[in-house]
């Protein structure tokens, strides 16, 4: 008993696969668009909360975005602790696009960024005030990124 297997289209398949040999060039545009969406979403601050405005009579302290904590002195005047590292401006992107790799990494150089944006380390008061986590943001934009990458690959195969 013998079985014959006829596989057709191998030369055509090889030709199409050769077109996507430079995967980095193909995936860089959708990766860049996806990362820009994620970064823009994470860079948005939630609305001001009671921690960001002077309250009480007289006010004791509050956090002013872009500056730091401000303390009202009992005898008048203010003491300003300039602790803000400007979280929304601390984002950086590392890229590696080559013939066999497509990688992009978003980071934030601000020392307290994990306690604001990283789900496993996010302080409860940041969560309650509406600060977005990296994990939730990536999950939100992942379907669009996957779709964009699939379209780029399809277009490369159609050539």
N, C-alpha and C. Protein backbone atom coordinates (compact mmCIF):
# COMPACT_ATOMS: atom_id res chain seq x y z
N UNK A 1 0.85 -1.18 0.00
CA UNK A 1 0.00 0.00 0.00
C UNK A 1 0.90 1.24 0.00
N UNK A 2 0.59 2.20 -0.81
CA UNK A 2 1.37 3.43 -0.85
C UNK A 2 0.44 4.64 -0.80
N UNK A 3 0.94 5.69 -0.23
CA UNK A 3 0.19 6.94 -0.14
C UNK A 3 1.03 8.01 -0.81
N UNK A 4 0.39 8.78 -1.63
CA UNK A 4 1.08 9.86 -2.31
C UNK A 4 0.59 11.19 -1.74
N UNK A 5 1.54 12.00 -1.35
CA UNK A 5 1.22 13.34 -0.85
C UNK A 5 1.76 14.34 -1.85
N UNK A 6 0.87 15.15 -2.32
CA UNK A 6 1.25 16.14 -3.33
C UNK A 6 1.15 17.53 -2.69
N UNK A 7 2.28 18.14 -2.46
CA UNK A 7 2.30 19.49 -1.88
C UNK A 7 2.62 20.46 -3.00
N UNK A 8 1.71 21.36 -3.22
CA UNK A 8 1.89 22.33 -4.29
C UNK A 8 2.14 23.71 -3.71
N UNK A 9 2.83 24.51 -4.48
CA UNK A 9 3.01 25.90 -4.09
C UNK A 9 4.24 26.18 -3.24
N UNK A 10 5.12 25.19 -3.07
CA UNK A 10 6.32 25.41 -2.25
C UNK A 10 7.18 26.55 -2.79
N UNK A 11 7.47 26.62 -4.08
CA UNK A 11 8.28 27.75 -4.57
C UNK A 11 7.62 29.10 -4.31
N UNK A 12 6.30 29.15 -4.49
CA UNK A 12 5.58 30.40 -4.25
C UNK A 12 5.61 30.77 -2.77
N UNK A 13 5.46 29.76 -1.91
CA UNK A 13 5.51 29.99 -0.45
C UNK A 13 6.89 30.51 -0.05
N UNK A 14 7.94 29.89 -0.58
CA UNK A 14 9.30 30.35 -0.27
C UNK A 14 9.48 31.81 -0.69
N UNK A 15 8.96 32.16 -1.85
CA UNK A 15 9.08 33.53 -2.34
C UNK A 15 8.37 34.52 -1.41
N UNK A 16 7.17 34.15 -0.94
CA UNK A 16 6.42 35.02 -0.03
C UNK A 16 7.11 35.14 1.33
N UNK A 17 7.62 34.03 1.83
CA UNK A 17 8.30 34.07 3.13
C UNK A 17 9.57 34.89 3.06
N UNK A 18 10.24 34.88 1.92
CA UNK A 18 11.45 35.70 1.76
C UNK A 18 11.12 37.18 1.88
N UNK A 19 9.89 37.56 1.51
CA UNK A 19 9.48 38.96 1.59
C UNK A 19 9.33 39.43 3.03
N UNK A 20 9.04 38.51 3.94
CA UNK A 20 8.89 38.92 5.33
C UNK A 20 10.13 38.57 6.16
N UNK A 21 11.24 38.32 5.49
CA UNK A 21 12.47 38.01 6.21
C UNK A 21 12.90 39.18 7.09
N UNK A 22 12.60 40.39 6.69
CA UNK A 22 12.97 41.56 7.48
C UNK A 22 11.77 41.98 8.32
N UNK A 23 11.49 41.20 9.34
CA UNK A 23 10.28 41.38 10.16
C UNK A 23 10.27 42.74 10.87
N UNK A 24 11.45 43.23 11.25
CA UNK A 24 11.51 44.53 11.93
C UNK A 24 11.00 45.67 11.09
N UNK A 25 11.37 45.67 9.82
CA UNK A 25 10.91 46.73 8.91
C UNK A 25 9.40 46.68 8.73
N UNK A 26 8.86 45.46 8.69
CA UNK A 26 7.42 45.29 8.50
C UNK A 26 6.63 45.71 9.73
N UNK A 27 7.14 45.35 10.91
CA UNK A 27 6.38 45.59 12.14
C UNK A 27 6.68 46.93 12.83
N UNK A 28 7.73 47.62 12.41
CA UNK A 28 8.06 48.87 13.08
C UNK A 28 6.92 49.89 13.02
N UNK A 29 6.29 50.16 11.87
CA UNK A 29 5.21 51.16 11.86
C UNK A 29 4.05 50.82 12.81
N UNK A 30 3.50 49.58 12.79
CA UNK A 30 2.41 49.32 13.75
C UNK A 30 2.87 49.34 15.21
N UNK A 31 4.10 48.89 15.47
CA UNK A 31 4.62 48.94 16.84
C UNK A 31 4.74 50.39 17.31
N UNK A 32 5.26 51.26 16.45
CA UNK A 32 5.43 52.67 16.82
C UNK A 32 4.06 53.33 17.08
N UNK A 33 3.08 53.04 16.22
CA UNK A 33 1.74 53.60 16.43
C UNK A 33 1.14 53.09 17.74
N UNK A 34 1.29 51.80 17.99
CA UNK A 34 0.75 51.23 19.22
C UNK A 34 1.40 51.82 20.46
N UNK A 35 2.71 51.97 20.42
CA UNK A 35 3.41 52.52 21.58
C UNK A 35 3.03 53.98 21.79
N UNK A 36 2.85 54.72 20.72
CA UNK A 36 2.43 56.13 20.84
C UNK A 36 1.06 56.22 21.51
N UNK A 37 0.15 55.32 21.15
CA UNK A 37 -1.19 55.31 21.79
C UNK A 37 -1.08 55.01 23.28
N UNK A 38 -0.28 54.00 23.61
CA UNK A 38 -0.12 53.60 25.02
C UNK A 38 0.51 54.73 25.82
N UNK A 39 1.57 55.31 25.28
CA UNK A 39 2.26 56.40 25.99
C UNK A 39 1.34 57.60 26.18
N UNK A 40 0.59 57.96 25.16
CA UNK A 40 -0.32 59.11 25.28
C UNK A 40 -1.38 58.85 26.34
N UNK A 41 -1.88 57.63 26.39
CA UNK A 41 -2.92 57.28 27.37
C UNK A 41 -2.37 57.35 28.80
N UNK A 42 -1.16 56.81 28.99
CA UNK A 42 -0.56 56.81 30.32
C UNK A 42 -0.10 58.20 30.75
N UNK A 43 0.18 59.07 29.81
CA UNK A 43 0.67 60.41 30.13
C UNK A 43 -0.44 61.35 30.62
N UNK A 44 -1.68 60.95 30.44
CA UNK A 44 -2.79 61.80 30.88
C UNK A 44 -2.98 61.65 32.39
N UNK A 45 -3.01 62.77 33.06
CA UNK A 45 -3.27 62.77 34.50
C UNK A 45 -4.76 62.68 34.75
N UNK A 46 -5.16 62.03 35.84
CA UNK A 46 -6.58 62.05 36.20
C UNK A 46 -6.96 63.45 36.69
N UNK A 47 -8.25 63.70 36.85
CA UNK A 47 -8.66 65.02 37.36
C UNK A 47 -8.02 65.30 38.73
N UNK A 48 -7.88 66.57 39.04
CA UNK A 48 -7.35 66.94 40.35
C UNK A 48 -8.25 66.38 41.45
N UNK A 49 -7.62 66.02 42.55
CA UNK A 49 -8.38 65.49 43.69
C UNK A 49 -8.22 66.46 44.87
N UNK A 50 -8.82 66.10 45.99
CA UNK A 50 -8.70 66.95 47.17
C UNK A 50 -7.26 67.05 47.66
N UNK A 51 -6.40 66.11 47.26
CA UNK A 51 -4.99 66.16 47.65
C UNK A 51 -4.22 67.23 46.88
N UNK A 52 -4.81 67.73 45.78
CA UNK A 52 -4.12 68.69 44.92
C UNK A 52 -4.55 70.13 45.12
N UNK A 53 -5.43 70.38 46.06
CA UNK A 53 -5.90 71.74 46.27
C UNK A 53 -5.84 72.08 47.76
N UNK A 54 -5.53 73.32 48.06
CA UNK A 54 -5.52 73.72 49.47
C UNK A 54 -6.92 73.53 50.06
N UNK A 55 -6.97 72.94 51.23
CA UNK A 55 -8.27 72.79 51.89
C UNK A 55 -8.10 73.01 53.38
N UNK A 56 -9.17 73.25 54.03
CA UNK A 56 -9.11 73.54 55.47
C UNK A 56 -8.93 75.03 55.68
N UNK A 57 -9.06 75.42 56.91
CA UNK A 57 -8.90 76.83 57.23
C UNK A 57 -8.05 76.95 58.49
N UNK A 58 -6.84 77.31 58.41
CA UNK A 58 -6.05 77.53 57.18
C UNK A 58 -5.62 76.19 56.59
N UNK A 59 -5.28 76.16 55.31
CA UNK A 59 -4.82 74.91 54.71
C UNK A 59 -3.49 74.48 55.31
N UNK A 60 -3.29 73.17 55.44
CA UNK A 60 -2.04 72.68 56.02
C UNK A 60 -1.04 72.30 54.93
N UNK A 61 -1.44 71.41 54.03
CA UNK A 61 -0.53 71.02 52.94
C UNK A 61 -1.34 70.45 51.79
N UNK A 62 -0.73 70.46 50.61
CA UNK A 62 -1.33 69.88 49.42
C UNK A 62 -0.22 69.61 48.43
N UNK A 63 -0.52 68.77 47.45
CA UNK A 63 0.45 68.41 46.41
C UNK A 63 0.10 69.16 45.14
N UNK A 64 1.02 69.95 44.65
CA UNK A 64 0.80 70.70 43.41
C UNK A 64 1.57 70.00 42.29
N UNK A 65 0.83 69.52 41.29
CA UNK A 65 1.46 68.81 40.18
C UNK A 65 2.50 69.69 39.50
N UNK A 66 3.62 69.05 39.17
CA UNK A 66 4.70 69.77 38.52
C UNK A 66 5.61 70.50 39.49
N UNK A 67 5.23 70.55 40.77
CA UNK A 67 6.03 71.24 41.78
C UNK A 67 6.40 70.28 42.91
N UNK A 68 5.41 69.89 43.69
CA UNK A 68 5.63 69.03 44.85
C UNK A 68 4.68 69.39 45.96
N UNK A 69 5.07 69.07 47.18
CA UNK A 69 4.21 69.33 48.33
C UNK A 69 4.41 70.75 48.83
N UNK A 70 3.30 71.41 49.10
CA UNK A 70 3.33 72.79 49.61
C UNK A 70 2.73 72.78 51.01
N UNK A 71 3.46 73.35 51.93
CA UNK A 71 3.03 73.43 53.32
C UNK A 71 2.75 74.88 53.68
N UNK A 72 1.63 75.12 54.29
CA UNK A 72 1.30 76.46 54.78
C UNK A 72 1.89 76.61 56.18
N UNK A 73 2.66 77.67 56.39
CA UNK A 73 3.25 77.92 57.71
C UNK A 73 2.22 78.56 58.63
N UNK A 74 2.31 78.25 59.90
CA UNK A 74 1.35 78.78 60.87
C UNK A 74 1.42 80.30 60.96
N UNK A 75 2.58 80.86 60.75
CA UNK A 75 2.74 82.31 60.86
C UNK A 75 2.71 83.00 59.50
N UNK A 76 2.18 82.28 58.51
CA UNK A 76 2.09 82.87 57.17
C UNK A 76 3.20 82.38 56.26
N UNK A 77 2.95 82.43 55.00
CA UNK A 77 3.94 82.00 54.01
C UNK A 77 3.81 80.51 53.71
N UNK A 78 4.64 80.09 52.80
CA UNK A 78 4.59 78.70 52.35
C UNK A 78 5.98 78.08 52.35
N UNK A 79 6.03 76.80 52.58
CA UNK A 79 7.24 76.02 52.38
C UNK A 79 6.95 75.07 51.23
N UNK A 80 7.82 75.06 50.25
CA UNK A 80 7.61 74.25 49.05
C UNK A 80 8.70 73.18 48.97
N UNK A 81 8.28 71.93 48.97
CA UNK A 81 9.21 70.80 48.74
C UNK A 81 9.10 70.40 47.28
N UNK A 82 10.08 70.75 46.49
CA UNK A 82 10.05 70.47 45.05
C UNK A 82 10.41 69.00 44.81
N UNK A 83 9.40 68.14 44.90
CA UNK A 83 9.60 66.70 44.76
C UNK A 83 9.08 66.15 43.44
N UNK A 84 8.35 66.94 42.69
CA UNK A 84 7.80 66.44 41.43
C UNK A 84 8.92 66.19 40.43
N UNK A 85 8.87 65.00 39.81
CA UNK A 85 9.80 64.67 38.73
C UNK A 85 9.09 64.73 37.38
N UNK A 86 7.87 65.24 37.39
CA UNK A 86 7.06 65.43 36.18
C UNK A 86 6.86 64.10 35.44
N UNK A 87 6.06 63.27 36.06
CA UNK A 87 5.78 61.92 35.60
C UNK A 87 5.39 61.84 34.13
N UNK A 88 4.55 62.74 33.67
CA UNK A 88 4.09 62.66 32.28
C UNK A 88 5.20 62.95 31.27
N UNK A 89 6.29 63.55 31.72
CA UNK A 89 7.41 63.84 30.81
C UNK A 89 8.55 62.84 30.95
N UNK A 90 8.38 61.83 31.81
CA UNK A 90 9.46 60.89 32.09
C UNK A 90 9.49 59.65 31.20
N UNK A 91 8.58 59.57 30.23
CA UNK A 91 8.51 58.38 29.40
C UNK A 91 9.66 58.32 28.40
N UNK A 92 10.17 57.11 28.17
CA UNK A 92 11.21 56.89 27.17
C UNK A 92 10.88 55.60 26.42
N UNK A 93 11.36 55.50 25.21
CA UNK A 93 11.09 54.33 24.38
C UNK A 93 12.41 53.77 23.88
N UNK A 94 12.59 52.45 24.07
CA UNK A 94 13.76 51.74 23.54
C UNK A 94 13.26 50.87 22.38
N UNK A 95 13.95 50.93 21.26
CA UNK A 95 13.52 50.21 20.06
C UNK A 95 14.61 49.28 19.58
N UNK A 96 14.19 48.12 19.05
CA UNK A 96 15.11 47.19 18.41
C UNK A 96 14.37 46.54 17.25
N UNK A 97 14.64 47.02 16.05
CA UNK A 97 14.02 46.47 14.86
C UNK A 97 15.11 45.98 13.93
N UNK A 98 15.12 44.69 13.68
CA UNK A 98 16.11 44.10 12.78
C UNK A 98 15.45 43.09 11.88
N UNK A 99 16.27 42.31 11.19
CA UNK A 99 15.71 41.35 10.23
C UNK A 99 14.93 40.25 10.94
N UNK A 100 15.30 39.91 12.16
CA UNK A 100 14.65 38.81 12.87
C UNK A 100 14.00 39.22 14.18
N UNK A 101 13.93 40.53 14.42
CA UNK A 101 13.39 40.98 15.71
C UNK A 101 12.59 42.26 15.52
N UNK A 102 11.54 42.36 16.30
CA UNK A 102 10.76 43.60 16.37
C UNK A 102 10.40 43.77 17.84
N UNK A 103 11.04 44.73 18.48
CA UNK A 103 10.85 44.90 19.92
C UNK A 103 10.82 46.38 20.24
N UNK A 104 9.89 46.74 21.10
CA UNK A 104 9.79 48.13 21.54
C UNK A 104 9.42 48.10 23.01
N UNK A 105 10.05 48.96 23.79
CA UNK A 105 9.85 48.93 25.24
C UNK A 105 9.63 50.35 25.75
N UNK A 106 8.57 50.52 26.51
CA UNK A 106 8.25 51.81 27.10
C UNK A 106 8.68 51.80 28.55
N UNK A 107 9.36 52.84 28.97
CA UNK A 107 9.79 52.96 30.36
C UNK A 107 9.55 54.36 30.87
N UNK A 108 9.72 54.53 32.16
CA UNK A 108 9.60 55.86 32.76
C UNK A 108 10.72 56.02 33.77
N UNK A 109 11.52 57.08 33.61
CA UNK A 109 12.70 57.30 34.45
C UNK A 109 12.36 57.89 35.82
N UNK A 110 11.11 58.29 36.02
CA UNK A 110 10.71 58.90 37.28
C UNK A 110 10.72 57.84 38.38
N UNK A 111 11.35 58.14 39.50
CA UNK A 111 11.56 57.15 40.55
C UNK A 111 10.26 56.58 41.12
N UNK A 112 9.22 57.37 41.17
CA UNK A 112 7.96 56.90 41.77
C UNK A 112 6.97 56.36 40.75
N UNK A 113 7.35 56.26 39.47
CA UNK A 113 6.45 55.79 38.42
C UNK A 113 5.82 54.42 38.73
N UNK A 114 6.57 53.43 39.26
CA UNK A 114 5.93 52.14 39.53
C UNK A 114 4.77 52.24 40.54
N UNK A 115 4.87 53.16 41.48
CA UNK A 115 3.83 53.30 42.51
C UNK A 115 2.59 54.03 41.99
N UNK A 116 2.72 54.59 40.78
CA UNK A 116 1.60 55.28 40.15
C UNK A 116 1.02 54.42 39.03
N UNK A 117 1.88 53.81 38.20
CA UNK A 117 1.42 53.15 36.97
C UNK A 117 1.56 51.64 36.91
N UNK A 118 2.31 51.02 37.78
CA UNK A 118 2.52 49.57 37.69
C UNK A 118 1.52 48.87 38.60
N UNK A 119 0.65 48.08 38.00
CA UNK A 119 -0.46 47.46 38.73
C UNK A 119 -0.06 46.76 40.01
N UNK A 120 1.03 45.98 40.00
CA UNK A 120 1.45 45.22 41.18
C UNK A 120 2.01 46.10 42.28
N UNK A 121 2.43 47.30 41.96
CA UNK A 121 3.02 48.21 42.95
C UNK A 121 2.21 49.47 43.16
N UNK A 122 1.15 49.66 42.39
CA UNK A 122 0.40 50.91 42.46
C UNK A 122 -0.18 51.12 43.85
N UNK A 123 0.07 52.29 44.41
CA UNK A 123 -0.48 52.65 45.72
C UNK A 123 -2.00 52.76 45.60
N UNK A 124 -2.69 52.28 46.61
CA UNK A 124 -4.14 52.28 46.61
C UNK A 124 -4.75 53.65 46.36
N UNK A 125 -4.15 54.69 46.94
CA UNK A 125 -4.73 56.03 46.75
C UNK A 125 -4.58 56.49 45.31
N UNK A 126 -3.54 56.02 44.60
CA UNK A 126 -3.42 56.36 43.18
C UNK A 126 -4.51 55.65 42.38
N UNK A 127 -4.78 54.41 42.71
CA UNK A 127 -5.85 53.67 42.02
C UNK A 127 -7.19 54.36 42.25
N UNK A 128 -7.46 54.74 43.49
CA UNK A 128 -8.73 55.39 43.81
C UNK A 128 -8.88 56.73 43.12
N UNK A 129 -7.79 57.39 42.83
CA UNK A 129 -7.85 58.70 42.17
C UNK A 129 -7.83 58.60 40.66
N UNK A 130 -7.80 57.38 40.13
CA UNK A 130 -7.95 57.20 38.69
C UNK A 130 -6.67 57.13 37.87
N UNK A 131 -5.52 56.90 38.50
CA UNK A 131 -4.29 56.76 37.73
C UNK A 131 -4.33 55.44 36.97
N UNK A 132 -3.97 55.48 35.71
CA UNK A 132 -4.04 54.31 34.83
C UNK A 132 -2.82 53.41 35.04
N UNK A 133 -3.05 52.10 34.96
CA UNK A 133 -1.92 51.18 35.06
C UNK A 133 -1.43 50.79 33.67
N UNK A 134 -0.17 50.42 33.61
CA UNK A 134 0.42 49.96 32.35
C UNK A 134 -0.34 48.72 31.87
N UNK A 135 -0.63 47.81 32.79
CA UNK A 135 -1.28 46.55 32.40
C UNK A 135 -2.65 46.80 31.78
N UNK A 136 -3.48 47.63 32.42
CA UNK A 136 -4.81 47.92 31.87
C UNK A 136 -4.71 48.64 30.53
N UNK A 137 -3.74 49.54 30.42
CA UNK A 137 -3.58 50.30 29.18
C UNK A 137 -3.15 49.39 28.04
N UNK A 138 -2.20 48.50 28.30
CA UNK A 138 -1.75 47.58 27.25
C UNK A 138 -2.91 46.68 26.83
N UNK A 139 -3.67 46.16 27.81
CA UNK A 139 -4.83 45.32 27.47
C UNK A 139 -5.83 46.09 26.60
N UNK A 140 -6.00 47.36 26.88
CA UNK A 140 -6.93 48.18 26.12
C UNK A 140 -6.50 48.34 24.66
N UNK A 141 -5.22 48.55 24.44
CA UNK A 141 -4.72 48.82 23.09
C UNK A 141 -4.19 47.58 22.37
N UNK A 142 -4.10 46.45 23.05
CA UNK A 142 -3.55 45.23 22.45
C UNK A 142 -4.33 44.76 21.21
N UNK A 143 -5.67 44.73 21.23
CA UNK A 143 -6.38 44.27 20.02
C UNK A 143 -6.04 45.10 18.78
N UNK A 144 -5.94 46.41 18.94
CA UNK A 144 -5.61 47.28 17.80
C UNK A 144 -4.18 47.01 17.34
N UNK A 145 -3.26 46.81 18.27
CA UNK A 145 -1.87 46.53 17.91
C UNK A 145 -1.77 45.21 17.14
N UNK A 146 -2.44 44.18 17.62
CA UNK A 146 -2.42 42.88 16.95
C UNK A 146 -3.01 43.00 15.55
N UNK A 147 -4.12 43.71 15.43
CA UNK A 147 -4.75 43.92 14.12
C UNK A 147 -3.83 44.68 13.17
N UNK A 148 -3.20 45.73 13.66
CA UNK A 148 -2.27 46.51 12.83
C UNK A 148 -1.10 45.66 12.36
N UNK A 149 -0.57 44.81 13.24
CA UNK A 149 0.55 43.93 12.88
C UNK A 149 0.11 42.90 11.84
N UNK A 150 -1.07 42.32 12.05
CA UNK A 150 -1.58 41.34 11.08
C UNK A 150 -1.75 41.98 9.70
N UNK A 151 -2.26 43.21 9.66
CA UNK A 151 -2.43 43.91 8.38
C UNK A 151 -1.09 44.16 7.72
N UNK A 152 -0.09 44.54 8.51
CA UNK A 152 1.24 44.81 7.95
C UNK A 152 1.84 43.52 7.38
N UNK A 153 1.67 42.41 8.06
CA UNK A 153 2.19 41.14 7.57
C UNK A 153 1.45 40.71 6.31
N UNK A 154 0.12 40.83 6.33
CA UNK A 154 -0.67 40.49 5.15
C UNK A 154 -0.23 41.32 3.94
N UNK A 155 -0.02 42.62 4.17
CA UNK A 155 0.40 43.50 3.08
C UNK A 155 1.77 43.09 2.56
N UNK A 156 2.67 42.70 3.45
CA UNK A 156 4.02 42.27 3.03
C UNK A 156 3.93 40.98 2.23
N UNK A 157 3.05 40.09 2.62
CA UNK A 157 2.91 38.83 1.88
C UNK A 157 2.29 39.03 0.50
N UNK A 158 1.38 40.02 0.40
CA UNK A 158 0.77 40.32 -0.89
C UNK A 158 1.75 41.03 -1.82
N UNK A 159 2.69 41.75 -1.17
CA UNK A 159 3.79 42.41 -1.81
C UNK A 159 3.54 43.22 -2.97
